[in-house]
Amino acid sequence: MGAGRTGMTGADFLRAIADGSVESSPHLTHLGLRLVLVEPGRVELVWRPGPELTNRSGVVHGGYIATALDDACGMASGSAAERPTLHLTMNLNVDYLRPVRAGEIYTVAGTVTHRGRTRILTLATVTAADGRLCAQATSSLTPNRLTTPG
């Protein structure tokens, strides 16, 4: 973590990713995810999955959906931290409700439901433009005290 990030909260760091002043993770770009809202304990991403994420049936592969949900859980957890902190997923439980289609726009939201010192519980959702829930996940995470984002 660079000296310019001293005094930043986790939410501040994620806001810097959202506004482009800190580089985002390459896999977010690959997935088509863009962070658009950060509040302590809550994040929203806009997701426009590309055709490279589809399976043989022509819909977005469930593993990519799980990855998007896991990212939202991790960012929500990070947004609640006192300083920029990476979080490790301990458990991720995904429910798939409707197909996610390439080229369409979705909202992926993550919310902290319980914040403990060593364990954070989160809920993430993938919602279509018409407001219909496509998938959701619950997750437990723990702060990675060995590394900081940077």
C-alpha atoms as a PDB file:
ATOM      1  CA  MET A   1       0.000   0.000   0.000  1.00  0.00           C
ATOM      2  CA  GLY A   2       1.497   3.319  -1.034  1.00  0.00           C
ATOM      3  CA  ALA A   3       2.002   6.336   1.192  1.00  0.00           C
ATOM      4  CA  GLY A   4      -0.744   8.191  -0.679  1.00  0.00           C
ATOM      5  CA  ARG A   5      -3.313   5.789   0.769  1.00  0.00           C
ATOM      6  CA  THR A   6      -2.488   6.504   4.414  1.00  0.00           C
ATOM      7  CA  GLY A   7      -5.674   7.348   6.274  1.00  0.00           C
ATOM      8  CA  MET A   8      -7.953   5.828   3.622  1.00  0.00           C
ATOM      9  CA  THR A   9     -10.827   3.631   4.721  1.00  0.00           C
ATOM     10  CA  GLY A  10     -11.801   0.527   2.802  1.00  0.00           C
ATOM     11  CA  ALA A  11     -14.703   2.470   1.296  1.00  0.00           C
ATOM     12  CA  ASP A  12     -12.341   5.288   0.231  1.00  0.00           C
ATOM     13  CA  PHE A  13     -10.075   2.792  -1.527  1.00  0.00           C
ATOM     14  CA  LEU A  14     -12.985   1.196  -3.395  1.00  0.00           C
ATOM     15  CA  ARG A  15     -14.316   4.635  -4.365  1.00  0.00           C
ATOM     16  CA  ALA A  16     -10.894   5.340  -5.870  1.00  0.00           C
ATOM     17  CA  ILE A  17     -11.262   2.174  -7.953  1.00  0.00           C
ATOM     18  CA  ALA A  18     -14.757   3.258  -8.996  1.00  0.00           C
ATOM     19  CA  ASP A  19     -13.563   6.713 -10.109  1.00  0.00           C
ATOM     20  CA  GLY A  20     -10.512   5.308 -11.900  1.00  0.00           C
ATOM     21  CA  SER A  21      -7.818   6.864  -9.727  1.00  0.00           C
ATOM     22  CA  VAL A  22      -6.780   3.362  -8.571  1.00  0.00           C
ATOM     23  CA  GLU A  23      -6.499   0.582 -11.123  1.00  0.00           C
ATOM     24  CA  SER A  24      -9.151  -2.108 -10.949  1.00  0.00           C
ATOM     25  CA  SER A  25      -8.383  -5.833 -10.966  1.00  0.00           C
ATOM     26  CA  PRO A  26      -7.933  -7.185 -14.520  1.00  0.00           C
ATOM     27  CA  HIS A  27     -10.447  -9.953 -13.927  1.00  0.00           C
ATOM     28  CA  LEU A  28     -13.217  -7.398 -13.302  1.00  0.00           C
ATOM     29  CA  THR A  29     -12.607  -5.978 -16.765  1.00  0.00           C
ATOM     30  CA  HIS A  30     -12.554  -9.476 -18.247  1.00  0.00           C
ATOM     31  CA  LEU A  31     -15.897 -10.266 -16.595  1.00  0.00           C
ATOM     32  CA  GLY A  32     -17.431  -6.958 -17.676  1.00  0.00           C
ATOM     33  CA  LEU A  33     -17.950  -5.719 -14.101  1.00  0.00           C
ATOM     34  CA  ARG A  34     -17.700  -2.025 -13.216  1.00  0.00           C
ATOM     35  CA  LEU A  35     -17.898  -0.707  -9.650  1.00  0.00           C
ATOM     36  CA  VAL A  36     -20.350   2.214  -9.513  1.00  0.00           C
ATOM     37  CA  LEU A  37     -21.440   2.680  -5.880  1.00  0.00           C
ATOM     38  CA  VAL A  38     -19.574   2.319  -2.605  1.00  0.00           C
ATOM     39  CA  GLU A  39     -20.964   2.902   0.866  1.00  0.00           C
ATOM     40  CA  PRO A  40     -19.543   1.421   4.059  1.00  0.00           C
ATOM     41  CA  GLY A  41     -20.884  -2.132   4.017  1.00  0.00           C
ATOM     42  CA  ARG A  42     -22.489  -1.950   0.545  1.00  0.00           C
ATOM     43  CA  VAL A  43     -21.338  -1.907  -3.071  1.00  0.00           C
ATOM     44  CA  GLU A  44     -23.001  -1.978  -6.476  1.00  0.00           C
ATOM     45  CA  LEU A  45     -21.487  -3.012  -9.763  1.00  0.00           C
ATOM     46  CA  VAL A  46     -22.872  -2.788 -13.272  1.00  0.00           C
ATOM     47  CA  TRP A  47     -22.389  -6.038 -15.148  1.00  0.00           C
ATOM     48  CA  ARG A  48     -22.556  -6.513 -18.865  1.00  0.00           C
ATOM     49  CA  PRO A  49     -21.244 -10.048 -19.424  1.00  0.00           C
ATOM     50  CA  GLY A  50     -19.743 -10.730 -22.833  1.00  0.00           C
ATOM     51  CA  PRO A  51     -20.288 -13.745 -25.083  1.00  0.00           C
ATOM     52  CA  GLU A  52     -16.957 -15.230 -23.946  1.00  0.00           C
ATOM     53  CA  LEU A  53     -18.623 -15.989 -20.592  1.00  0.00           C
ATOM     54  CA  THR A  54     -21.385 -18.173 -22.038  1.00  0.00           C
ATOM     55  CA  ASN A  55     -21.644 -21.943 -21.950  1.00  0.00           C
ATOM     56  CA  ARG A  56     -22.871 -24.252 -24.720  1.00  0.00           C
ATOM     57  CA  SER A  57     -26.499 -23.394 -23.968  1.00  0.00           C
ATOM     58  CA  GLY A  58     -25.813 -19.716 -24.730  1.00  0.00           C
ATOM     59  CA  VAL A  59     -26.236 -18.310 -21.213  1.00  0.00           C
ATOM     60  CA  VAL A  60     -23.567 -17.052 -18.831  1.00  0.00           C
ATOM     61  CA  HIS A  61     -21.807 -19.978 -17.143  1.00  0.00           C
ATOM     62  CA  GLY A  62     -22.673 -20.387 -13.464  1.00  0.00           C
ATOM     63  CA  GLY A  63     -19.013 -20.163 -12.477  1.00  0.00           C
ATOM     64  CA  TYR A  64     -18.818 -16.617 -13.831  1.00  0.00           C
ATOM     65  CA  ILE A  65     -22.028 -15.719 -12.010  1.00  0.00           C
ATOM     66  CA  ALA A  66     -20.519 -17.120  -8.799  1.00  0.00           C
ATOM     67  CA  THR A  67     -17.346 -15.103  -9.418  1.00  0.00           C
ATOM     68  CA  ALA A  68     -19.346 -11.882  -9.847  1.00  0.00           C
ATOM     69  CA  LEU A  69     -21.235 -12.614  -6.620  1.00  0.00           C
ATOM     70  CA  ASP A  70     -17.992 -13.452  -4.793  1.00  0.00           C
ATOM     71  CA  ASP A  71     -16.453 -10.168  -5.974  1.00  0.00           C
ATOM     72  CA  ALA A  72     -19.475  -8.228  -4.682  1.00  0.00           C
ATOM     73  CA  CYS A  73     -19.243 -10.014  -1.320  1.00  0.00           C
ATOM     74  CA  GLY A  74     -15.517  -9.288  -1.051  1.00  0.00           C
ATOM     75  CA  MET A  75     -15.897  -5.631  -2.007  1.00  0.00           C
ATOM     76  CA  ALA A  76     -18.808  -5.152   0.400  1.00  0.00           C
ATOM     77  CA  SER A  77     -16.654  -6.639   3.139  1.00  0.00           C
ATOM     78  CA  GLY A  78     -13.725  -4.405   2.154  1.00  0.00           C
ATOM     79  CA  SER A  79     -15.958  -1.327   2.084  1.00  0.00           C
ATOM     80  CA  ALA A  80     -16.712  -1.794   5.771  1.00  0.00           C
ATOM     81  CA  ALA A  81     -13.033  -1.999   6.782  1.00  0.00           C
ATOM     82  CA  GLU A  82     -11.273   0.798   8.651  1.00  0.00           C
ATOM     83  CA  ARG A  83      -8.397   0.706   6.130  1.00  0.00           C
ATOM     84  CA  PRO A  84      -7.936  -0.935   2.702  1.00  0.00           C
ATOM     85  CA  THR A  85      -8.000  -4.656   3.425  1.00  0.00           C
ATOM     86  CA  LEU A  86      -8.291  -7.706   1.206  1.00  0.00           C
ATOM     87  CA  HIS A  87     -10.727 -10.369   2.375  1.00  0.00           C
ATOM     88  CA  LEU A  88     -10.560 -14.120   1.884  1.00  0.00           C
ATOM     89  CA  THR A  89     -13.727 -16.054   1.098  1.00  0.00           C
ATOM     90  CA  MET A  90     -14.303 -18.852   3.593  1.00  0.00           C
ATOM     91  CA  ASN A  91     -17.657 -19.972   2.213  1.00  0.00           C
ATOM     92  CA  LEU A  92     -19.830 -19.037  -0.776  1.00  0.00           C
ATOM     93  CA  ASN A  93     -23.337 -20.426  -1.233  1.00  0.00           C
ATOM     94  CA  VAL A  94     -24.983 -19.551  -4.556  1.00  0.00           C
ATOM     95  CA  ASP A  95     -28.620 -19.887  -5.635  1.00  0.00           C
ATOM     96  CA  TYR A  96     -29.331 -19.564  -9.366  1.00  0.00           C
ATOM     97  CA  LEU A  97     -32.855 -18.383 -10.153  1.00  0.00           C
ATOM     98  CA  ARG A  98     -32.883 -17.154 -13.772  1.00  0.00           C
ATOM     99  CA  PRO A  99     -30.452 -17.232 -16.697  1.00  0.00           C
ATOM    100  CA  VAL A 100     -27.950 -14.412 -17.072  1.00  0.00           C
ATOM    101  CA  ARG A 101     -27.530 -13.487 -20.730  1.00  0.00           C
ATOM    102  CA  ALA A 102     -24.527 -12.028 -22.528  1.00  0.00           C
ATOM    103  CA  GLY A 103     -24.896  -8.417 -23.648  1.00  0.00           C
ATOM    104  CA  GLU A 104     -27.628  -7.546 -21.146  1.00  0.00           C
ATOM    105  CA  ILE A 105     -27.019  -5.202 -18.216  1.00  0.00           C
ATOM    106  CA  TYR A 106     -27.318  -6.398 -14.620  1.00  0.00           C
ATOM    107  CA  THR A 107     -26.776  -4.927 -11.184  1.00  0.00           C
ATOM    108  CA  VAL A 108     -24.567  -6.918  -8.836  1.00  0.00           C
ATOM    109  CA  ALA A 109     -24.951  -5.686  -5.265  1.00  0.00           C
ATOM    110  CA  GLY A 110     -23.110  -6.783  -2.142  1.00  0.00           C
ATOM    111  CA  THR A 111     -24.098  -6.008   1.432  1.00  0.00           C
ATOM    112  CA  VAL A 112     -22.491  -6.820   4.767  1.00  0.00           C
ATOM    113  CA  THR A 113     -25.036  -8.533   7.025  1.00  0.00           C
ATOM    114  CA  HIS A 114     -22.711  -9.118  10.007  1.00  0.00           C
ATOM    115  CA  ARG A 115     -19.339  -7.572  10.719  1.00  0.00           C
ATOM    116  CA  GLY A 116     -17.181  -9.288  13.290  1.00  0.00           C
ATOM    117  CA  ARG A 117     -13.487  -8.787  13.918  1.00  0.00           C
ATOM    118  CA  THR A 118     -12.436 -12.013  12.176  1.00  0.00           C
ATOM    119  CA  ARG A 119     -15.549 -13.037  10.260  1.00  0.00           C
ATOM    120  CA  ILE A 120     -17.795 -10.995   7.990  1.00  0.00           C
ATOM    121  CA  LEU A 121     -21.083 -12.281   6.569  1.00  0.00           C
ATOM    122  CA  THR A 122     -22.395 -10.884   3.299  1.00  0.00           C
ATOM    123  CA  LEU A 123     -25.257 -11.173   0.839  1.00  0.00           C
ATOM    124  CA  ALA A 124     -24.883 -10.506  -2.881  1.00  0.00           C
ATOM    125  CA  THR A 125     -27.454 -10.422  -5.677  1.00  0.00           C
ATOM    126  CA  VAL A 126     -27.531 -10.296  -9.468  1.00  0.00           C
ATOM    127  CA  THR A 127     -30.595  -8.382 -10.646  1.00  0.00           C
ATOM    128  CA  ALA A 128     -31.775  -7.872 -14.234  1.00  0.00           C
ATOM    129  CA  ALA A 129     -32.703  -4.449 -15.610  1.00  0.00           C
ATOM    130  CA  ASP A 130     -36.407  -5.274 -15.050  1.00  0.00           C
ATOM    131  CA  GLY A 131     -35.716  -5.802 -11.324  1.00  0.00           C
ATOM    132  CA  ARG A 132     -35.973  -9.590 -11.391  1.00  0.00           C
ATOM    133  CA  LEU A 133     -33.537 -11.495  -9.192  1.00  0.00           C
ATOM    134  CA  CYS A 134     -31.318 -13.834 -11.250  1.00  0.00           C
ATOM    135  CA  ALA A 135     -28.952 -15.182  -8.589  1.00  0.00           C
ATOM    136  CA  GLN A 136     -27.930 -14.586  -5.012  1.00  0.00           C
ATOM    137  CA  ALA A 137     -25.161 -15.691  -2.698  1.00  0.00           C
ATOM    138  CA  THR A 138     -24.314 -15.634   0.952  1.00  0.00           C
ATOM    139  CA  SER A 139     -20.700 -15.634   1.973  1.00  0.00           C
ATOM    140  CA  SER A 140     -18.436 -15.617   4.977  1.00  0.00           C
ATOM    141  CA  LEU A 141     -15.089 -13.860   4.698  1.00  0.00           C
ATOM    142  CA  THR A 142     -12.110 -13.131   6.871  1.00  0.00           C
ATOM    143  CA  PRO A 143      -9.661 -10.218   6.625  1.00  0.00           C
ATOM    144  CA  ASN A 144      -6.343 -11.165   5.032  1.00  0.00           C
ATOM    145  CA  ARG A 145      -4.059  -9.534   7.550  1.00  0.00           C
ATOM    146  CA  LEU A 146      -0.904 -10.443   5.584  1.00  0.00           C
ATOM    147  CA  THR A 147      -1.540  -8.245   2.532  1.00  0.00           C
ATOM    148  CA  THR A 148      -3.094  -4.930   1.678  1.00  0.00           C
ATOM    149  CA  PRO A 149      -4.423  -3.922  -1.724  1.00  0.00           C
ATOM    150  CA  GLY A 150      -2.179  -1.809  -3.811  1.00  0.00           C
END
